[in-house]
């Protein structure tokens, strides 16, 4: 009985700490959002690593975005692209931090973060990326106004 109690206790602690670690990686699971006079605004809190990570949707399916102003386009890992039913187009080379890779062009019909919605967003499908996050690059961010204040990033649709 004592062994079962210890195993149960360790399991409960693991679940509690896993949820806390997940919250530290993505403090914007439900991003603060408001719309006034046709302008939508989303406030994102910086995560512990100094990045802006948020939950959102691609084609009405839940995803996690990591904002990356250094990325030319939205970059979707191939395994997520399959789940999101994104069609792979022409392959082309891109320079990444890990060297040159071949990606496929695609278009995201609808991308949303809170009240902000973008349509027909140019993106690439990255077969080398094994993460579960989509890099939200400039093909989406250039359609938004963004301002950083302290540990917060404020996004507004244009």
Protein backbone atom coordinates (compact mmCIF):
# COMPACT_ATOMS: atom_id res chain seq x y z
CA UNK A 1 0.00 0.00 0.00
CA UNK A 2 2.84 2.35 0.83
CA UNK A 3 4.39 1.80 -2.62
CA UNK A 4 1.06 2.52 -4.32
CA UNK A 5 0.68 5.70 -2.26
CA UNK A 6 4.19 6.87 -3.26
CA UNK A 7 3.59 6.12 -6.94
CA UNK A 8 0.25 7.96 -6.84
CA UNK A 9 1.86 10.93 -5.10
CA UNK A 10 4.69 11.12 -7.62
CA UNK A 11 2.17 10.88 -10.48
CA UNK A 12 0.10 13.76 -9.08
CA UNK A 13 3.21 15.91 -8.57
CA UNK A 14 4.32 15.18 -12.14
CA UNK A 15 0.96 16.32 -13.49
CA UNK A 16 1.04 19.50 -11.39
CA UNK A 17 4.58 20.43 -12.43
CA UNK A 18 3.92 19.58 -16.10
CA UNK A 19 1.01 22.04 -16.15
CA UNK A 20 3.17 24.71 -14.47
CA UNK A 21 6.01 24.19 -16.99
CA UNK A 22 3.54 24.38 -19.88
CA UNK A 23 2.20 27.68 -18.51
CA UNK A 24 5.76 29.06 -18.30
CA UNK A 25 6.39 28.16 -21.97
CA UNK A 26 3.02 29.53 -23.18
CA UNK A 27 1.62 32.14 -20.79
CA UNK A 28 -0.88 33.12 -23.52
CA UNK A 29 -3.05 30.03 -23.74
CA UNK A 30 -6.07 32.33 -23.81
CA UNK A 31 -4.62 35.62 -25.05
CA UNK A 32 -6.14 38.88 -23.81
CA UNK A 33 -8.19 40.20 -26.70
CA UNK A 34 -10.60 43.05 -27.41
CA UNK A 35 -12.22 44.69 -30.44
CA UNK A 36 -13.30 48.32 -30.60
CA UNK A 37 -14.39 50.31 -33.65
CA UNK A 38 -13.26 47.54 -36.00
CA UNK A 39 -9.75 47.32 -34.53
CA UNK A 40 -8.84 44.09 -32.76
CA UNK A 41 -6.09 44.10 -30.16
CA UNK A 42 -4.32 41.18 -28.52
CA UNK A 43 -1.92 41.47 -25.58
CA UNK A 44 0.76 38.79 -25.25
CA UNK A 45 2.94 38.26 -22.20
CA UNK A 46 6.57 37.29 -22.70
CA UNK A 47 7.41 33.76 -21.56
CA UNK A 48 10.23 32.91 -19.17
CA UNK A 49 12.70 32.59 -22.05
CA UNK A 50 11.87 36.07 -23.38
CA UNK A 51 9.81 34.79 -26.33
CA UNK A 52 6.24 35.52 -27.27
CA UNK A 53 4.31 32.26 -27.51
CA UNK A 54 0.55 32.11 -27.86
CA UNK A 55 -2.27 29.76 -28.61
CA UNK A 56 -4.24 30.44 -31.77
CA UNK A 57 -5.86 28.72 -34.70
CA UNK A 58 -5.00 27.77 -38.26
CA UNK A 59 -8.01 26.95 -40.41
CA UNK A 60 -10.13 26.70 -37.22
CA UNK A 61 -7.82 24.13 -35.59
CA UNK A 62 -5.90 24.91 -32.37
CA UNK A 63 -2.14 25.53 -32.67
CA UNK A 64 0.67 27.21 -30.77
CA UNK A 65 2.54 30.11 -32.37
CA UNK A 66 5.99 31.42 -31.55
CA UNK A 67 6.39 34.95 -32.92
CA UNK A 68 9.55 35.30 -35.00
CA UNK A 69 10.23 38.67 -36.66
CA UNK A 70 13.37 37.13 -38.20
CA UNK A 71 11.34 34.64 -40.23
CA UNK A 72 10.23 35.83 -43.66
CA UNK A 73 7.15 33.64 -43.67
CA UNK A 74 4.98 31.65 -41.33
CA UNK A 75 6.75 28.29 -40.99
CA UNK A 76 4.67 25.19 -40.31
CA UNK A 77 6.33 21.89 -39.33
CA UNK A 78 5.40 19.19 -41.85
CA UNK A 79 3.66 16.94 -39.32
CA UNK A 80 1.39 19.85 -38.31
CA UNK A 81 0.77 20.82 -41.94
CA UNK A 82 -0.64 17.34 -42.53
CA UNK A 83 -2.98 17.67 -39.52
CA UNK A 84 -4.05 21.16 -40.70
CA UNK A 85 -4.69 19.91 -44.26
CA UNK A 86 -2.26 22.41 -45.79
CA UNK A 87 -1.38 21.66 -49.41
CA UNK A 88 2.31 21.57 -50.27
CA UNK A 89 3.23 23.57 -53.35
CA UNK A 90 6.51 24.30 -55.07
CA UNK A 91 9.68 23.39 -53.15
CA UNK A 92 12.31 26.09 -52.72
CA UNK A 93 15.47 26.64 -50.64
CA UNK A 94 15.53 28.84 -47.52
CA UNK A 95 18.33 29.89 -45.21
CA UNK A 96 17.71 28.94 -41.57
CA UNK A 97 19.82 29.11 -38.44
CA UNK A 98 20.76 25.48 -39.17
CA UNK A 99 21.70 26.05 -42.82
CA UNK A 100 19.86 25.84 -46.13
CA UNK A 101 16.82 23.54 -46.32
CA UNK A 102 14.08 22.84 -48.87
CA UNK A 103 10.55 23.89 -47.88
CA UNK A 104 7.23 23.80 -49.69
CA UNK A 105 5.12 26.89 -50.22
CA UNK A 106 1.55 26.87 -48.98
CA UNK A 107 -1.24 29.27 -48.06
CA UNK A 108 -3.10 29.37 -44.77
CA UNK A 109 -6.75 30.18 -45.45
CA UNK A 110 -7.41 31.57 -41.96
CA UNK A 111 -5.08 32.32 -39.06
CA UNK A 112 -6.33 33.74 -35.78
CA UNK A 113 -4.98 34.88 -32.43
CA UNK A 114 -7.72 36.02 -30.09
CA UNK A 115 -9.93 38.47 -31.99
CA UNK A 116 -7.35 39.03 -34.74
CA UNK A 117 -8.04 37.11 -37.94
CA UNK A 118 -5.86 37.02 -41.04
CA UNK A 119 -6.82 35.41 -44.34
CA UNK A 120 -4.74 33.93 -47.19
CA UNK A 121 -1.43 34.05 -45.36
CA UNK A 122 1.69 32.94 -47.28
CA UNK A 123 3.50 30.18 -45.41
CA UNK A 124 6.02 27.40 -45.84
CA UNK A 125 5.94 23.76 -44.82
CA UNK A 126 9.18 22.78 -43.10
CA UNK A 127 10.04 19.05 -43.23
CA UNK A 128 13.07 19.58 -40.94
CA UNK A 129 11.13 21.06 -38.01
CA UNK A 130 9.97 18.47 -35.48
CA UNK A 131 8.51 20.96 -32.98
CA UNK A 132 4.83 21.37 -32.21
CA UNK A 133 4.96 25.16 -32.68
CA UNK A 134 4.36 27.27 -35.76
CA UNK A 135 6.78 30.15 -36.31
CA UNK A 136 4.67 33.23 -36.90
CA UNK A 137 6.86 35.11 -39.36
CA UNK A 138 6.59 38.38 -41.22
CA UNK A 139 4.13 37.15 -43.88
CA UNK A 140 1.55 37.42 -41.05
CA UNK A 141 3.16 40.01 -38.77
CA UNK A 142 3.51 42.63 -41.54
CA UNK A 143 -0.29 42.78 -41.59
CA UNK A 144 -0.32 43.82 -37.94
CA UNK A 145 0.86 46.75 -35.90
CA UNK A 146 2.87 45.58 -32.94
CA UNK A 147 4.29 47.41 -29.94
CA UNK A 148 6.41 46.04 -27.12
CA UNK A 149 6.01 47.52 -23.64
CA UNK A 150 8.03 45.83 -20.92
CA UNK A 151 7.14 42.15 -20.94
CA UNK A 152 4.07 42.67 -23.12
CA UNK A 153 3.58 42.69 -26.88
CA UNK A 154 0.46 44.39 -28.21
CA UNK A 155 -0.81 43.29 -31.62
CA UNK A 156 -3.42 45.27 -33.58
CA UNK A 157 -4.94 44.51 -36.95
CA UNK A 158 -4.40 47.16 -39.62
